[in-house]
Amino acid sequence: MTRLHPALWLAILPLLLGGCVSVNKSVLDHSFSQRMVPTQEVEVYFADDEIPDHTRVAILNASGDSGFTNQGQVIDKLREEAGKLGANAIILDEVREPSTGERAVNALFGGVATGQRRAAAIAIHLER
C-alpha cells in the first residue's frame, strides 16, 4: 500500500473539509420541529421585502471557506437547516465575503488566500 507524503495531505485536507458549510442555530420556537420542510420548498426573503405574517423559528448563522463554497451553497445550507426545524422560509441577511485582510492573513499563514464566507438568516414559518 502506498502512503501519501504529509505535505500532500496538507494540500488535500482543505479540499476534503473546505467544501462544507456549517450552520449554528439558536432555536426560538420548537413547536414546528415535527414538520420538516424540503429544502427546495423553503422560500428566501430579504430584510427589506414585504414579508407575510409569520412566526420566528430560529436564528441561523452559516459559514464556509470562500475558496471552496459559493453564495448559493451557503444560502441552500441555510434553507436546508431551516427546513429541518419546520420553517418554510428564511429572511436572509447579506452574505459577507472575507475581507482582503482576512485573505492576506490566511495566505500568509495557511498558504491559501481564502477566508470565511458568512451569512445570517432568521428561519420563519409563514402563516398560510
N, C-alpha and C. Protein backbone atom coordinates (compact mmCIF):
# COMPACT_ATOMS: atom_id res chain seq x y z
N MET A 1 0.85 -1.18 0.00
CA MET A 1 0.00 0.00 0.00
C MET A 1 0.89 1.24 0.00
N THR A 2 0.57 2.21 -0.83
CA THR A 2 1.34 3.44 -0.94
C THR A 2 0.85 4.45 0.09
N ARG A 3 1.79 5.09 0.78
CA ARG A 3 1.43 6.11 1.76
C ARG A 3 1.63 7.48 1.14
N LEU A 4 0.72 8.38 1.46
CA LEU A 4 0.82 9.75 0.96
C LEU A 4 1.81 10.54 1.80
N HIS A 5 2.57 11.34 1.14
CA HIS A 5 3.52 12.23 1.83
C HIS A 5 2.73 13.23 2.67
N PRO A 6 3.20 13.55 3.90
CA PRO A 6 2.46 14.50 4.76
C PRO A 6 2.15 15.84 4.08
N ALA A 7 3.05 16.33 3.24
CA ALA A 7 2.79 17.59 2.54
C ALA A 7 1.60 17.46 1.59
N LEU A 8 1.44 16.28 1.01
CA LEU A 8 0.31 16.05 0.10
C LEU A 8 -1.00 16.04 0.90
N TRP A 9 -0.97 15.46 2.11
CA TRP A 9 -2.16 15.50 2.97
C TRP A 9 -2.55 16.93 3.29
N LEU A 10 -1.55 17.78 3.55
CA LEU A 10 -1.84 19.18 3.86
C LEU A 10 -2.49 19.89 2.68
N ALA A 11 -2.16 19.46 1.48
CA ALA A 11 -2.77 20.06 0.29
C ALA A 11 -4.18 19.52 0.04
N ILE A 12 -4.41 18.25 0.36
CA ILE A 12 -5.70 17.61 0.10
C ILE A 12 -6.73 17.92 1.18
N LEU A 13 -6.29 18.00 2.43
CA LEU A 13 -7.21 18.17 3.55
C LEU A 13 -8.17 19.35 3.39
N PRO A 14 -7.71 20.55 3.00
CA PRO A 14 -8.67 21.65 2.82
C PRO A 14 -9.72 21.36 1.75
N LEU A 15 -9.35 20.59 0.72
CA LEU A 15 -10.32 20.25 -0.31
C LEU A 15 -11.39 19.31 0.22
N LEU A 16 -10.97 18.39 1.11
CA LEU A 16 -11.93 17.45 1.69
C LEU A 16 -12.85 18.12 2.70
N LEU A 17 -12.30 19.01 3.51
CA LEU A 17 -13.07 19.65 4.58
C LEU A 17 -13.68 20.98 4.18
N GLY A 18 -13.06 21.66 3.27
CA GLY A 18 -13.43 23.03 2.96
C GLY A 18 -14.72 23.21 2.20
N GLY A 19 -15.20 22.18 1.51
CA GLY A 19 -16.38 22.33 0.70
C GLY A 19 -17.68 22.37 1.49
N CYS A 20 -17.59 22.13 2.77
CA CYS A 20 -18.82 22.10 3.55
C CYS A 20 -19.13 23.46 4.17
N VAL A 21 -20.38 23.65 4.41
CA VAL A 21 -20.87 24.86 5.06
C VAL A 21 -21.42 24.44 6.40
N SER A 22 -21.02 25.13 7.46
CA SER A 22 -21.56 24.82 8.78
C SER A 22 -22.57 25.88 9.19
N VAL A 23 -23.56 25.45 9.94
CA VAL A 23 -24.62 26.35 10.40
C VAL A 23 -24.79 26.21 11.90
N ASN A 24 -24.72 27.33 12.60
CA ASN A 24 -25.06 27.38 14.02
C ASN A 24 -26.48 27.90 14.12
N LYS A 25 -27.24 27.33 15.03
CA LYS A 25 -28.64 27.77 15.14
C LYS A 25 -29.02 27.98 16.59
N SER A 26 -29.88 28.94 16.77
CA SER A 26 -30.47 29.22 18.07
C SER A 26 -31.98 29.13 17.87
N VAL A 27 -32.57 28.06 18.35
CA VAL A 27 -34.00 27.80 18.13
C VAL A 27 -34.83 28.68 19.06
N LEU A 28 -35.79 29.37 18.48
CA LEU A 28 -36.67 30.26 19.22
C LEU A 28 -38.03 29.63 19.51
N ASP A 29 -38.47 28.74 18.62
CA ASP A 29 -39.79 28.12 18.75
C ASP A 29 -39.68 26.66 18.30
N HIS A 30 -39.81 25.74 19.23
CA HIS A 30 -39.68 24.31 18.93
C HIS A 30 -40.97 23.69 18.40
N SER A 31 -42.05 24.42 18.37
CA SER A 31 -43.35 23.84 18.02
C SER A 31 -43.45 23.40 16.56
N PHE A 32 -42.52 23.82 15.71
CA PHE A 32 -42.58 23.45 14.30
C PHE A 32 -41.66 22.28 13.95
N SER A 33 -40.88 21.81 14.92
CA SER A 33 -39.82 20.84 14.65
C SER A 33 -40.33 19.48 14.14
N GLN A 34 -41.58 19.16 14.34
CA GLN A 34 -42.13 17.89 13.87
C GLN A 34 -42.53 17.94 12.40
N ARG A 35 -42.48 19.12 11.79
CA ARG A 35 -42.93 19.30 10.40
C ARG A 35 -41.76 19.70 9.49
N MET A 36 -40.88 18.78 9.18
CA MET A 36 -39.75 19.11 8.31
C MET A 36 -40.25 19.58 6.94
N VAL A 37 -39.54 20.56 6.38
CA VAL A 37 -39.89 21.12 5.08
C VAL A 37 -38.72 20.86 4.13
N PRO A 38 -38.96 20.29 2.94
CA PRO A 38 -37.87 20.06 1.99
C PRO A 38 -37.17 21.38 1.61
N THR A 39 -35.87 21.30 1.45
CA THR A 39 -35.05 22.48 1.16
C THR A 39 -35.62 23.31 0.02
N GLN A 40 -36.01 22.67 -1.06
CA GLN A 40 -36.48 23.39 -2.25
C GLN A 40 -37.80 24.12 -2.00
N GLU A 41 -38.50 23.79 -0.91
CA GLU A 41 -39.76 24.46 -0.59
C GLU A 41 -39.57 25.62 0.41
N VAL A 42 -38.37 25.81 0.91
CA VAL A 42 -38.10 26.91 1.84
C VAL A 42 -37.83 28.17 1.04
N GLU A 43 -38.72 29.15 1.18
CA GLU A 43 -38.62 30.40 0.44
C GLU A 43 -37.54 31.30 1.04
N VAL A 44 -37.02 32.20 0.21
CA VAL A 44 -35.99 33.15 0.67
C VAL A 44 -36.53 34.57 0.53
N TYR A 45 -36.50 35.30 1.63
CA TYR A 45 -36.86 36.72 1.65
C TYR A 45 -35.64 37.52 2.09
N PHE A 46 -35.64 38.78 1.75
CA PHE A 46 -34.61 39.70 2.22
C PHE A 46 -35.24 40.64 3.22
N ALA A 47 -34.43 41.23 4.07
CA ALA A 47 -34.93 42.05 5.18
C ALA A 47 -35.85 43.17 4.71
N ASP A 48 -35.61 43.73 3.54
CA ASP A 48 -36.43 44.85 3.07
C ASP A 48 -37.65 44.40 2.24
N ASP A 49 -37.85 43.08 2.11
CA ASP A 49 -39.02 42.56 1.41
C ASP A 49 -40.26 42.71 2.30
N GLU A 50 -41.41 42.73 1.66
CA GLU A 50 -42.66 42.69 2.42
C GLU A 50 -42.93 41.22 2.75
N ILE A 51 -42.87 40.90 4.02
CA ILE A 51 -42.94 39.50 4.45
C ILE A 51 -44.33 39.24 5.06
N PRO A 52 -45.00 38.19 4.59
CA PRO A 52 -46.33 37.86 5.13
C PRO A 52 -46.25 37.54 6.63
N ASP A 53 -47.42 37.45 7.27
CA ASP A 53 -47.47 37.09 8.69
C ASP A 53 -46.68 35.81 8.91
N HIS A 54 -45.89 35.80 9.99
CA HIS A 54 -45.03 34.65 10.23
C HIS A 54 -44.67 34.53 11.71
N THR A 55 -44.10 33.39 12.05
CA THR A 55 -43.57 33.13 13.39
C THR A 55 -42.08 32.88 13.24
N ARG A 56 -41.28 33.49 14.09
CA ARG A 56 -39.84 33.26 14.07
C ARG A 56 -39.54 31.90 14.69
N VAL A 57 -38.77 31.10 13.97
CA VAL A 57 -38.45 29.76 14.41
C VAL A 57 -37.02 29.68 14.97
N ALA A 58 -36.06 30.30 14.29
CA ALA A 58 -34.66 30.20 14.74
C ALA A 58 -33.81 31.29 14.11
N ILE A 59 -32.69 31.54 14.76
CA ILE A 59 -31.65 32.41 14.20
C ILE A 59 -30.57 31.49 13.67
N LEU A 60 -30.17 31.68 12.41
CA LEU A 60 -29.18 30.82 11.77
C LEU A 60 -27.95 31.64 11.35
N ASN A 61 -26.78 31.08 11.58
CA ASN A 61 -25.53 31.68 11.13
C ASN A 61 -24.72 30.62 10.40
N ALA A 62 -24.39 30.89 9.15
CA ALA A 62 -23.67 29.93 8.32
C ALA A 62 -22.29 30.46 7.97
N SER A 63 -21.35 29.53 7.79
CA SER A 63 -20.03 29.92 7.31
C SER A 63 -19.44 28.77 6.50
N GLY A 64 -18.63 29.15 5.53
CA GLY A 64 -17.95 28.18 4.69
C GLY A 64 -16.73 28.83 4.07
N ASP A 65 -15.72 28.06 3.79
CA ASP A 65 -14.49 28.59 3.20
C ASP A 65 -14.80 29.16 1.83
N SER A 66 -14.44 30.42 1.62
CA SER A 66 -14.78 31.09 0.36
C SER A 66 -14.07 30.49 -0.84
N GLY A 67 -12.99 29.76 -0.61
CA GLY A 67 -12.29 29.13 -1.72
C GLY A 67 -12.97 27.87 -2.20
N PHE A 68 -13.87 27.31 -1.39
CA PHE A 68 -14.48 26.03 -1.72
C PHE A 68 -16.00 26.06 -1.71
N THR A 69 -16.57 27.22 -1.43
CA THR A 69 -18.03 27.34 -1.44
C THR A 69 -18.42 28.59 -2.23
N ASN A 70 -19.67 28.64 -2.62
CA ASN A 70 -20.17 29.85 -3.26
C ASN A 70 -21.40 30.33 -2.48
N GLN A 71 -21.91 31.49 -2.85
CA GLN A 71 -23.05 32.05 -2.13
C GLN A 71 -24.27 31.13 -2.18
N GLY A 72 -24.48 30.50 -3.32
CA GLY A 72 -25.62 29.61 -3.46
C GLY A 72 -25.57 28.44 -2.49
N GLN A 73 -24.37 27.88 -2.29
CA GLN A 73 -24.23 26.77 -1.34
C GLN A 73 -24.52 27.21 0.08
N VAL A 74 -24.09 28.42 0.44
CA VAL A 74 -24.34 28.94 1.78
C VAL A 74 -25.84 29.15 1.98
N ILE A 75 -26.50 29.75 1.01
CA ILE A 75 -27.94 30.00 1.11
C ILE A 75 -28.71 28.69 1.14
N ASP A 76 -28.32 27.73 0.30
CA ASP A 76 -29.00 26.44 0.29
C ASP A 76 -28.85 25.72 1.63
N LYS A 77 -27.69 25.85 2.26
CA LYS A 77 -27.50 25.22 3.57
C LYS A 77 -28.38 25.88 4.62
N LEU A 78 -28.53 27.20 4.55
CA LEU A 78 -29.46 27.88 5.46
C LEU A 78 -30.88 27.39 5.25
N ARG A 79 -31.29 27.24 4.00
CA ARG A 79 -32.63 26.74 3.68
C ARG A 79 -32.82 25.31 4.20
N GLU A 80 -31.80 24.48 4.02
CA GLU A 80 -31.87 23.10 4.49
C GLU A 80 -32.05 23.03 6.00
N GLU A 81 -31.23 23.80 6.72
CA GLU A 81 -31.32 23.79 8.19
C GLU A 81 -32.64 24.36 8.68
N ALA A 82 -33.13 25.40 8.01
CA ALA A 82 -34.43 25.97 8.36
C ALA A 82 -35.53 24.93 8.17
N GLY A 83 -35.48 24.22 7.06
CA GLY A 83 -36.48 23.18 6.78
C GLY A 83 -36.47 22.07 7.82
N LYS A 84 -35.29 21.71 8.31
CA LYS A 84 -35.18 20.68 9.35
C LYS A 84 -35.88 21.12 10.63
N LEU A 85 -35.96 22.43 10.85
CA LEU A 85 -36.61 22.97 12.05
C LEU A 85 -38.10 23.22 11.84
N GLY A 86 -38.60 22.94 10.62
CA GLY A 86 -40.01 23.15 10.33
C GLY A 86 -40.32 24.53 9.77
N ALA A 87 -39.30 25.32 9.50
CA ALA A 87 -39.52 26.64 8.91
C ALA A 87 -39.74 26.49 7.41
N ASN A 88 -40.62 27.32 6.86
CA ASN A 88 -40.87 27.24 5.41
C ASN A 88 -40.34 28.46 4.67
N ALA A 89 -39.55 29.28 5.37
CA ALA A 89 -38.92 30.44 4.73
C ALA A 89 -37.77 30.93 5.61
N ILE A 90 -36.89 31.71 4.99
CA ILE A 90 -35.85 32.40 5.74
C ILE A 90 -35.84 33.86 5.33
N ILE A 91 -35.45 34.69 6.29
CA ILE A 91 -35.20 36.10 5.99
C ILE A 91 -33.68 36.23 5.99
N LEU A 92 -33.13 36.43 4.81
CA LEU A 92 -31.68 36.40 4.63
C LEU A 92 -31.05 37.76 4.82
N ASP A 93 -30.04 37.81 5.63
CA ASP A 93 -29.18 38.99 5.73
C ASP A 93 -28.17 38.84 4.60
N GLU A 94 -27.36 39.83 4.36
CA GLU A 94 -26.40 39.72 3.28
C GLU A 94 -25.39 38.61 3.52
N VAL A 95 -24.88 38.04 2.43
CA VAL A 95 -23.80 37.07 2.51
C VAL A 95 -22.51 37.89 2.48
N ARG A 96 -21.72 37.75 3.54
CA ARG A 96 -20.49 38.54 3.66
C ARG A 96 -19.29 37.76 3.19
N GLU A 97 -18.53 38.40 2.33
CA GLU A 97 -17.30 37.81 1.82
C GLU A 97 -16.15 38.15 2.76
N PRO A 98 -15.09 37.33 2.80
CA PRO A 98 -13.95 37.66 3.66
C PRO A 98 -13.27 38.94 3.20
N SER A 99 -12.75 39.68 4.16
CA SER A 99 -12.06 40.93 3.83
C SER A 99 -10.71 40.62 3.18
N THR A 100 -10.15 41.63 2.55
CA THR A 100 -8.83 41.49 1.95
C THR A 100 -7.80 41.13 3.02
N GLY A 101 -7.94 41.74 4.19
CA GLY A 101 -7.03 41.44 5.29
C GLY A 101 -7.10 39.99 5.73
N GLU A 102 -8.33 39.47 5.83
CA GLU A 102 -8.51 38.07 6.23
C GLU A 102 -7.89 37.14 5.19
N ARG A 103 -8.08 37.47 3.93
CA ARG A 103 -7.49 36.65 2.86
C ARG A 103 -5.96 36.71 2.92
N ALA A 104 -5.42 37.90 3.19
CA ALA A 104 -3.96 38.05 3.26
C ALA A 104 -3.38 37.25 4.42
N VAL A 105 -4.03 37.31 5.58
CA VAL A 105 -3.54 36.57 6.74
C VAL A 105 -3.60 35.07 6.46
N ASN A 106 -4.69 34.60 5.86
CA ASN A 106 -4.80 33.18 5.53
C ASN A 106 -3.74 32.76 4.53
N ALA A 107 -3.47 33.61 3.56
CA ALA A 107 -2.43 33.29 2.58
C ALA A 107 -1.06 33.23 3.24
N LEU A 108 -0.83 34.13 4.17
CA LEU A 108 0.47 34.19 4.86
C LEU A 108 0.68 32.97 5.74
N PHE A 109 -0.35 32.60 6.51
CA PHE A 109 -0.19 31.50 7.46
C PHE A 109 -0.72 30.16 6.95
N GLY A 110 -1.67 30.20 6.05
CA GLY A 110 -2.26 28.95 5.58
C GLY A 110 -1.86 28.57 4.18
N GLY A 111 -1.22 29.48 3.47
CA GLY A 111 -0.79 29.18 2.12
C GLY A 111 -1.86 29.36 1.06
N VAL A 112 -3.09 29.61 1.48
CA VAL A 112 -4.20 29.79 0.53
C VAL A 112 -4.89 31.11 0.86
N ALA A 113 -5.14 31.91 -0.16
CA ALA A 113 -5.75 33.23 0.05
C ALA A 113 -7.26 33.14 0.08
N THR A 114 -7.79 32.44 1.07
CA THR A 114 -9.24 32.34 1.24
C THR A 114 -9.60 32.81 2.63
N GLY A 115 -10.85 32.83 2.91
CA GLY A 115 -11.36 33.20 4.23
C GLY A 115 -12.77 32.66 4.34
N GLN A 116 -13.45 33.02 5.40
CA GLN A 116 -14.79 32.51 5.64
C GLN A 116 -15.86 33.40 5.01
N ARG A 117 -16.71 32.78 4.22
CA ARG A 117 -17.91 33.43 3.69
C ARG A 117 -18.98 33.20 4.75
N ARG A 118 -19.67 34.25 5.17
CA ARG A 118 -20.64 34.14 6.27
C ARG A 118 -22.00 34.71 5.86
N ALA A 119 -23.02 34.13 6.44
CA ALA A 119 -24.38 34.64 6.22
C ALA A 119 -25.22 34.38 7.46
N ALA A 120 -26.17 35.25 7.68
CA ALA A 120 -27.10 35.10 8.79
C ALA A 120 -28.52 35.15 8.25
N ALA A 121 -29.41 34.43 8.90
CA ALA A 121 -30.82 34.42 8.49
C ALA A 121 -31.68 34.13 9.69
N ILE A 122 -32.92 34.52 9.56
CA ILE A 122 -33.92 34.14 10.54
C ILE A 122 -34.84 33.13 9.85
N ALA A 123 -34.94 31.95 10.45
CA ALA A 123 -35.85 30.94 9.94
C ALA A 123 -37.25 31.27 10.43
N ILE A 124 -38.21 31.29 9.53
CA ILE A 124 -39.57 31.65 9.90
C ILE A 124 -40.57 30.62 9.37
N HIS A 125 -41.74 30.62 9.97
CA HIS A 125 -42.85 29.83 9.46
C HIS A 125 -43.93 30.78 9.02
N LEU A 126 -44.21 30.76 7.72
CA LEU A 126 -45.25 31.64 7.17
C LEU A 126 -46.62 31.08 7.50
N GLU A 127 -47.50 31.93 7.92
CA GLU A 127 -48.88 31.54 8.20
C GLU A 127 -49.62 31.48 6.87
N ARG A 128 -50.15 30.33 6.52
CA ARG A 128 -50.84 30.19 5.23
C ARG A 128 -52.24 29.69 5.44
